[in-house]
């Protein structure tokens, strides 16, 4: 029997997708798909935290078509801001570090310092920070290799263009193989909560995603 569960402790999940009834087979982070053995998962594998050593945890499902997900920073962006972050990684990539400013090949991500990383190097520094409690929305098109990222979990997209229009925040069209969501971190303050749709989104899902 259930005990001590609030309404937001329950999520809908199904082996098959049923959009008409608001349920589906939602992704989570994978405890068996860590490229590095460090870091912890909780809240049904939707929350992650660093442990003082580089952490890189991948998602359970590869991108297909147009996908939208959100990540909330539950930690503190002021320390080691380029070490923690979220985004995508090539399924064939096997880096030995998760520090984004080590320029990881196959990684396309946003750091906690609001820096964009695109396959082996920093692309753009938006001169801000992804502070505790703030949501970033990721709209990814697996067919075109384009990703747009909101800077507030709403309709303000980094770079000014919106999904499907103009220049994407990140271009991963040159990536090799399927792409997986990925969490990066180092210290115990590198903490995130992920939402692939099972919790209801803070922002508005772009049309077609």
Protein backbone atom coordinates (compact mmCIF):
# COMPACT_ATOMS: atom_id res chain seq x y z
CA UNK A 1 0.00 0.00 0.00
CA UNK A 2 1.13 3.57 -0.65
CA UNK A 3 2.28 5.61 2.31
CA UNK A 4 3.41 9.22 2.59
CA UNK A 5 3.21 9.98 -1.13
CA UNK A 6 2.13 13.40 -2.34
CA UNK A 7 0.43 13.92 -5.68
CA UNK A 8 3.69 15.02 -7.31
CA UNK A 9 5.40 11.83 -6.09
CA UNK A 10 3.43 9.87 -8.68
CA UNK A 11 4.04 9.89 -12.41
CA UNK A 12 2.32 8.12 -15.28
CA UNK A 13 4.34 5.70 -17.35
CA UNK A 14 3.44 3.05 -19.87
CA UNK A 15 5.35 0.60 -22.10
CA UNK A 16 3.57 2.21 -25.05
CA UNK A 17 2.86 5.84 -25.89
CA UNK A 18 -0.69 7.13 -25.52
CA UNK A 19 -0.58 10.87 -26.15
CA UNK A 20 -4.37 11.19 -26.06
CA UNK A 21 -4.33 10.17 -22.39
CA UNK A 22 -1.12 11.97 -21.48
CA UNK A 23 0.98 8.89 -20.80
CA UNK A 24 3.93 7.29 -22.49
CA UNK A 25 7.19 5.43 -22.04
CA UNK A 26 9.22 8.29 -20.62
CA UNK A 27 12.99 8.44 -20.44
CA UNK A 28 14.97 8.77 -17.20
CA UNK A 29 18.67 8.91 -16.41
CA UNK A 30 20.24 5.47 -16.40
CA UNK A 31 22.08 4.02 -13.37
CA UNK A 32 23.69 1.44 -15.67
CA UNK A 33 24.61 3.90 -18.42
CA UNK A 34 27.16 5.99 -16.56
CA UNK A 35 30.25 6.68 -18.64
CA UNK A 36 31.99 7.45 -15.36
CA UNK A 37 31.14 5.48 -12.25
CA UNK A 38 30.63 8.51 -9.99
CA UNK A 39 27.58 10.57 -9.15
CA UNK A 40 24.30 9.60 -7.56
CA UNK A 41 20.73 9.27 -8.80
CA UNK A 42 17.46 9.58 -6.90
CA UNK A 43 13.81 10.54 -7.37
CA UNK A 44 13.16 7.69 -9.77
CA UNK A 45 16.42 8.39 -11.62
CA UNK A 46 15.25 11.89 -12.52
CA UNK A 47 17.68 13.71 -10.19
CA UNK A 48 21.48 13.53 -10.20
CA UNK A 49 24.29 14.92 -8.07
CA UNK A 50 28.07 14.98 -8.28
CA UNK A 51 30.23 13.31 -5.68
CA UNK A 52 33.53 15.18 -5.88
CA UNK A 53 34.74 13.29 -8.95
CA UNK A 54 33.71 13.72 -12.56
CA UNK A 55 30.20 12.50 -13.29
CA UNK A 56 28.69 11.73 -16.69
CA UNK A 57 25.32 9.97 -16.72
CA UNK A 58 23.38 9.23 -19.89
CA UNK A 59 19.65 8.87 -20.47
CA UNK A 60 17.76 5.66 -21.11
CA UNK A 61 16.40 6.56 -24.56
CA UNK A 62 18.00 7.90 -27.72
CA UNK A 63 16.44 10.87 -29.50
CA UNK A 64 14.04 10.24 -32.35
CA UNK A 65 12.24 13.02 -34.20
CA UNK A 66 11.51 16.20 -32.25
CA UNK A 67 11.98 15.96 -28.49
CA UNK A 68 11.59 18.50 -25.70
CA UNK A 69 12.86 18.07 -22.13
CA UNK A 70 13.64 20.34 -19.18
CA UNK A 71 16.44 20.40 -16.63
CA UNK A 72 16.37 22.33 -13.34
CA UNK A 73 19.57 23.34 -11.58
CA UNK A 74 19.19 22.16 -7.98
CA UNK A 75 22.70 23.21 -6.96
CA UNK A 76 24.95 26.24 -7.13
CA UNK A 77 26.40 27.56 -10.39
CA UNK A 78 28.97 29.81 -8.72
CA UNK A 79 31.61 27.12 -8.19
CA UNK A 80 33.08 25.09 -11.04
CA UNK A 81 30.38 26.39 -13.34
CA UNK A 82 31.79 24.80 -16.47
CA UNK A 83 31.97 21.36 -14.91
CA UNK A 84 28.25 20.88 -14.40
CA UNK A 85 25.72 21.00 -17.19
CA UNK A 86 23.23 19.17 -19.37
CA UNK A 87 22.67 18.34 -23.00
CA UNK A 88 23.33 15.53 -25.45
CA UNK A 89 26.12 13.05 -26.12
CA UNK A 90 26.83 10.74 -29.02
CA UNK A 91 25.98 7.18 -28.04
CA UNK A 92 29.40 6.08 -29.33
CA UNK A 93 31.35 8.63 -27.23
CA UNK A 94 33.39 7.36 -24.26
CA UNK A 95 35.13 10.33 -22.64
CA UNK A 96 37.32 9.87 -19.59
CA UNK A 97 36.33 13.17 -17.99
CA UNK A 98 33.07 15.04 -17.62
CA UNK A 99 34.48 18.56 -17.31
CA UNK A 100 32.90 20.46 -20.18
CA UNK A 101 35.84 22.83 -20.51
CA UNK A 102 38.06 19.82 -21.19
CA UNK A 103 36.40 19.98 -24.62
CA UNK A 104 34.76 16.57 -24.79
CA UNK A 105 34.32 15.20 -28.30
CA UNK A 106 30.76 14.09 -29.02
CA UNK A 107 29.17 16.36 -26.41
CA UNK A 108 26.65 19.11 -27.18
CA UNK A 109 25.65 20.82 -23.95
CA UNK A 110 24.98 23.88 -21.82
CA UNK A 111 27.16 24.42 -18.75
CA UNK A 112 26.06 25.93 -15.45
CA UNK A 113 27.97 29.04 -16.53
CA UNK A 114 25.59 29.35 -19.53
CA UNK A 115 28.33 28.41 -21.94
CA UNK A 116 27.48 26.41 -25.06
CA UNK A 117 29.71 23.43 -25.89
CA UNK A 118 29.56 21.86 -29.33
CA UNK A 119 31.75 18.82 -30.01
CA UNK A 120 35.17 19.46 -28.49
CA UNK A 121 35.01 23.08 -27.53
CA UNK A 122 33.13 26.10 -26.22
CA UNK A 123 30.99 27.76 -28.88
CA UNK A 124 29.34 30.70 -27.13
CA UNK A 125 29.49 32.26 -23.69
CA UNK A 126 26.18 33.94 -22.86
CA UNK A 127 27.75 35.80 -19.93
CA UNK A 128 25.33 34.59 -17.31
CA UNK A 129 24.82 31.67 -15.01
CA UNK A 130 22.35 28.84 -14.66
CA UNK A 131 21.40 29.55 -11.07
CA UNK A 132 19.78 27.30 -8.48
CA UNK A 133 16.09 26.81 -9.15
CA UNK A 134 16.26 27.92 -12.77
CA UNK A 135 14.91 25.74 -15.57
CA UNK A 136 16.45 25.28 -19.00
CA UNK A 137 14.33 23.82 -21.79
CA UNK A 138 15.93 21.76 -24.57
CA UNK A 139 14.13 21.38 -27.91
CA UNK A 140 16.05 18.85 -30.01
CA UNK A 141 15.38 17.74 -33.58
CA UNK A 142 17.13 14.43 -34.22
CA UNK A 143 16.39 14.60 -37.95
CA UNK A 144 18.01 17.99 -38.60
CA UNK A 145 20.59 17.93 -35.80
CA UNK A 146 19.37 21.19 -34.28
CA UNK A 147 18.90 22.06 -30.62
CA UNK A 148 17.37 25.20 -29.11
CA UNK A 149 17.74 25.98 -25.39
CA UNK A 150 15.59 28.35 -23.34
CA UNK A 151 17.28 30.55 -20.79
CA UNK A 152 14.28 30.62 -18.47
CA UNK A 153 12.27 27.47 -19.15
CA UNK A 154 9.91 29.62 -21.21
CA UNK A 155 10.01 31.23 -24.63
CA UNK A 156 13.33 33.11 -24.42
CA UNK A 157 15.76 31.05 -26.49
CA UNK A 158 19.54 31.47 -26.41
CA UNK A 159 20.58 33.27 -29.56
CA UNK A 160 17.14 34.74 -30.20
CA UNK A 161 15.84 32.13 -32.65
CA UNK A 162 12.97 29.81 -31.77
CA UNK A 163 12.74 26.08 -32.55
CA UNK A 164 12.50 25.48 -36.27
CA UNK A 165 13.31 29.11 -37.07
CA UNK A 166 16.69 30.71 -37.63
CA UNK A 167 19.97 29.51 -36.20
CA UNK A 168 19.76 26.85 -33.45
CA UNK A 169 21.53 27.26 -30.14
CA UNK A 170 23.56 24.14 -30.94
CA UNK A 171 24.11 22.32 -34.24
CA UNK A 172 24.69 18.60 -33.78
CA UNK A 173 24.06 17.64 -37.40
CA UNK A 174 27.63 16.36 -37.67
CA UNK A 175 27.24 13.98 -34.75
CA UNK A 176 27.88 10.28 -35.29
CA UNK A 177 25.15 7.85 -34.39
CA UNK A 178 22.15 8.23 -32.03
CA UNK A 179 22.13 10.99 -29.42
CA UNK A 180 21.37 10.49 -25.73
CA UNK A 181 20.54 13.04 -23.01
CA UNK A 182 23.49 13.48 -20.66
CA UNK A 183 24.14 15.01 -17.23
CA UNK A 184 27.58 16.38 -16.32
CA UNK A 185 28.96 17.32 -12.93
CA UNK A 186 31.76 17.26 -10.43
CA UNK A 187 31.12 18.66 -6.96
CA UNK A 188 28.21 17.75 -4.69
CA UNK A 189 26.67 21.12 -5.62
CA UNK A 190 26.35 20.01 -9.25
CA UNK A 191 22.76 18.82 -8.94
CA UNK A 192 19.98 18.67 -11.49
CA UNK A 193 16.41 17.46 -11.86
CA UNK A 194 15.30 16.17 -15.26
CA UNK A 195 11.82 16.12 -16.73
CA UNK A 196 11.13 14.19 -19.93
CA UNK A 197 7.40 14.82 -19.73
CA UNK A 198 6.34 12.59 -16.87
CA UNK A 199 6.07 15.56 -14.48
CA UNK A 200 4.45 18.25 -16.63
CA UNK A 201 6.61 21.03 -18.01
CA UNK A 202 7.39 24.46 -16.57
CA UNK A 203 7.59 25.97 -20.04
CA UNK A 204 5.50 25.69 -23.18
CA UNK A 205 6.45 22.80 -25.44
CA UNK A 206 7.22 24.12 -28.93
CA UNK A 207 4.80 23.10 -31.65
CA UNK A 208 5.63 19.69 -33.10
CA UNK A 209 7.89 18.62 -30.20
